[in-house]
Amino acid sequence: MKKVNLLSILLLLFTIGCMGKGEGLDKNEFLESFETSLKSQGLEIRQVQPSSNAVMENVVPYQFNIKVNGEEEDALFIYFFKSSSQVEKAVNNAEYTITTLTKVTEYKRDNILVVHYAFDGFTEKYGSKIKEAMDMN
């Protein structure tokens, strides 16, 4: 009987410990790792305040501008949602205001959405670096 009670208590503690653990990645850990990775790949990165029209599904993003060797800056908007299903919903409902030359690429990982605005139209120049920084390779 004692084994059953002990096993029940351990199972209960395990269940309680798992509660509240969403599928989301830790925001601060991800941002630090992401920024460090981009810098180690030779990009200049600086955080800026996002514009008010950058809100997506009631989530305010973190915005970074990136560039290499003094080229024109591209913008990265990093959104942290509660779940990957919310990321999908945000992507499906997204409406981007862009110029003719600007190209937008989305990168998704778990509960995180990174939206890359390349104002010169070439998102490919940083695509592999962003994927590596997101640990997607």
Protein backbone atom coordinates (compact mmCIF):
# COMPACT_ATOMS: atom_id res chain seq x y z
CA MET A 1 0.00 0.00 0.00
CA LYS A 2 2.87 2.36 0.82
CA LYS A 3 4.39 1.77 -2.63
CA VAL A 4 1.11 2.72 -4.29
CA ASN A 5 0.83 5.91 -2.23
CA LEU A 6 4.44 6.85 -2.90
CA LEU A 7 4.04 6.15 -6.61
CA SER A 8 0.83 8.22 -6.70
CA ILE A 9 2.55 11.12 -4.95
CA LEU A 10 5.51 10.98 -7.35
CA LEU A 11 3.17 10.89 -10.33
CA LEU A 12 1.21 13.83 -8.94
CA LEU A 13 4.41 15.84 -8.36
CA PHE A 14 5.60 15.06 -11.88
CA THR A 15 2.27 16.15 -13.34
CA ILE A 16 2.27 19.38 -11.33
CA GLY A 17 5.84 20.06 -12.40
CA CYS A 18 4.88 19.70 -16.05
CA MET A 19 1.86 21.97 -15.77
CA GLY A 20 2.47 25.46 -17.05
CA LYS A 21 5.31 24.27 -19.22
CA GLY A 22 4.01 25.42 -22.57
CA GLU A 23 5.60 24.49 -25.82
CA GLY A 24 7.16 27.93 -25.97
CA LEU A 25 10.83 28.71 -25.84
CA ASP A 26 12.13 31.07 -23.18
CA LYS A 27 12.06 34.62 -24.55
CA ASN A 28 15.20 35.93 -22.88
CA GLU A 29 17.29 32.85 -23.65
CA PHE A 30 16.19 32.90 -27.28
CA LEU A 31 16.89 36.62 -27.76
CA GLU A 32 20.35 36.35 -26.22
CA SER A 33 21.23 33.28 -28.25
CA PHE A 34 19.77 34.78 -31.45
CA GLU A 35 21.68 38.05 -31.09
CA THR A 36 24.94 36.28 -30.18
CA SER A 37 24.64 33.96 -33.16
CA LEU A 38 24.02 36.76 -35.64
CA LYS A 39 26.98 38.74 -34.28
CA SER A 40 29.25 35.68 -34.47
CA GLN A 41 28.22 35.31 -38.12
CA GLY A 42 29.49 38.82 -38.85
CA LEU A 43 26.27 40.82 -38.74
CA GLU A 44 25.85 44.13 -36.99
CA ILE A 45 22.66 44.06 -34.94
CA ARG A 46 20.90 46.72 -32.92
CA GLN A 47 17.58 46.68 -31.12
CA VAL A 48 15.09 49.44 -31.94
CA GLN A 49 11.55 50.30 -30.86
CA PRO A 50 8.98 48.68 -33.17
CA SER A 51 6.33 50.85 -34.72
CA SER A 52 2.81 50.57 -33.37
CA ASN A 53 1.59 48.98 -36.61
CA ALA A 54 3.94 46.03 -36.10
CA VAL A 55 1.61 44.43 -33.54
CA MET A 56 0.38 41.03 -34.70
CA GLU A 57 -2.44 39.15 -32.95
CA ASN A 58 -2.03 41.51 -29.97
CA VAL A 59 1.66 40.63 -29.62
CA VAL A 60 4.20 43.45 -29.69
CA PRO A 61 7.43 42.28 -31.31
CA TYR A 62 11.04 42.90 -30.52
CA GLN A 63 12.63 44.71 -33.46
CA PHE A 64 16.22 44.50 -34.56
CA ASN A 65 17.98 46.07 -37.51
CA ILE A 66 20.74 44.01 -39.08
CA LYS A 67 23.41 44.72 -41.66
CA VAL A 68 26.86 43.70 -42.73
CA ASN A 69 29.79 45.85 -43.88
CA GLY A 70 27.87 49.12 -43.81
CA GLU A 71 25.15 47.96 -46.23
CA GLU A 72 21.54 49.10 -45.95
CA GLU A 73 19.81 47.76 -42.85
CA ASP A 74 17.14 45.06 -42.92
CA ALA A 75 14.54 44.78 -40.16
CA LEU A 76 13.72 41.73 -38.05
CA PHE A 77 10.56 41.54 -35.99
CA ILE A 78 10.56 38.77 -33.38
CA TYR A 79 7.18 37.72 -31.99
CA PHE A 80 6.71 35.42 -29.01
CA PHE A 81 3.31 33.73 -28.98
CA LYS A 82 1.85 31.35 -26.42
CA SER A 83 1.86 28.41 -28.84
CA SER A 84 2.84 27.32 -32.33
CA SER A 85 -0.84 27.32 -33.29
CA GLN A 86 -0.96 31.05 -32.50
CA VAL A 87 2.06 31.52 -34.77
CA GLU A 88 0.17 29.83 -37.59
CA LYS A 89 -2.89 31.99 -36.94
CA ALA A 90 -0.74 35.14 -36.99
CA VAL A 91 0.91 34.14 -40.27
CA ASN A 92 -2.45 33.37 -41.87
CA ASN A 93 -3.88 36.74 -40.78
CA ALA A 94 -0.75 38.80 -41.48
CA GLU A 95 -1.00 41.89 -43.63
CA TYR A 96 2.33 43.57 -44.34
CA THR A 97 2.66 47.17 -45.47
CA ILE A 98 5.64 47.23 -47.78
CA THR A 99 7.07 49.10 -50.74
CA THR A 100 7.41 47.56 -54.18
CA LEU A 101 11.06 46.64 -53.62
CA THR A 102 10.72 45.30 -50.06
CA LYS A 103 10.55 41.54 -49.62
CA VAL A 104 9.25 39.79 -46.50
CA THR A 105 10.21 36.32 -45.30
CA GLU A 106 8.83 34.54 -42.25
CA TYR A 107 10.74 32.06 -40.11
CA LYS A 108 8.89 29.94 -37.55
CA ARG A 109 10.13 27.85 -34.66
CA ASP A 110 7.75 26.57 -32.00
CA ASN A 111 6.06 29.65 -30.50
CA ILE A 112 8.39 32.15 -32.21
CA LEU A 113 7.87 34.03 -35.45
CA VAL A 114 10.66 36.08 -37.01
CA VAL A 115 9.61 38.38 -39.84
CA HIS A 116 12.47 39.62 -42.01
CA TYR A 117 11.97 42.79 -44.07
CA ALA A 118 14.62 43.22 -46.77
CA PHE A 119 14.20 46.75 -48.08
CA ASP A 120 16.44 45.99 -51.07
CA GLY A 121 14.34 42.93 -51.97
CA PHE A 122 16.96 40.29 -51.13
CA THR A 123 16.01 38.30 -48.02
CA GLU A 124 18.26 35.48 -49.22
CA LYS A 125 21.40 37.37 -48.18
CA TYR A 126 20.63 36.77 -44.48
CA GLY A 127 18.25 33.80 -44.70
CA SER A 128 20.78 31.12 -43.78
CA LYS A 129 22.20 33.28 -40.97
CA ILE A 130 18.71 33.83 -39.48
CA LYS A 131 17.95 30.11 -39.71
CA GLU A 132 21.22 29.29 -37.99
CA ALA A 133 20.52 31.86 -35.26
CA MET A 134 17.10 30.27 -34.76
CA ASP A 135 18.76 26.84 -34.61
CA MET A 136 16.75 25.71 -37.62
CA ASN A 137 19.59 24.21 -39.72
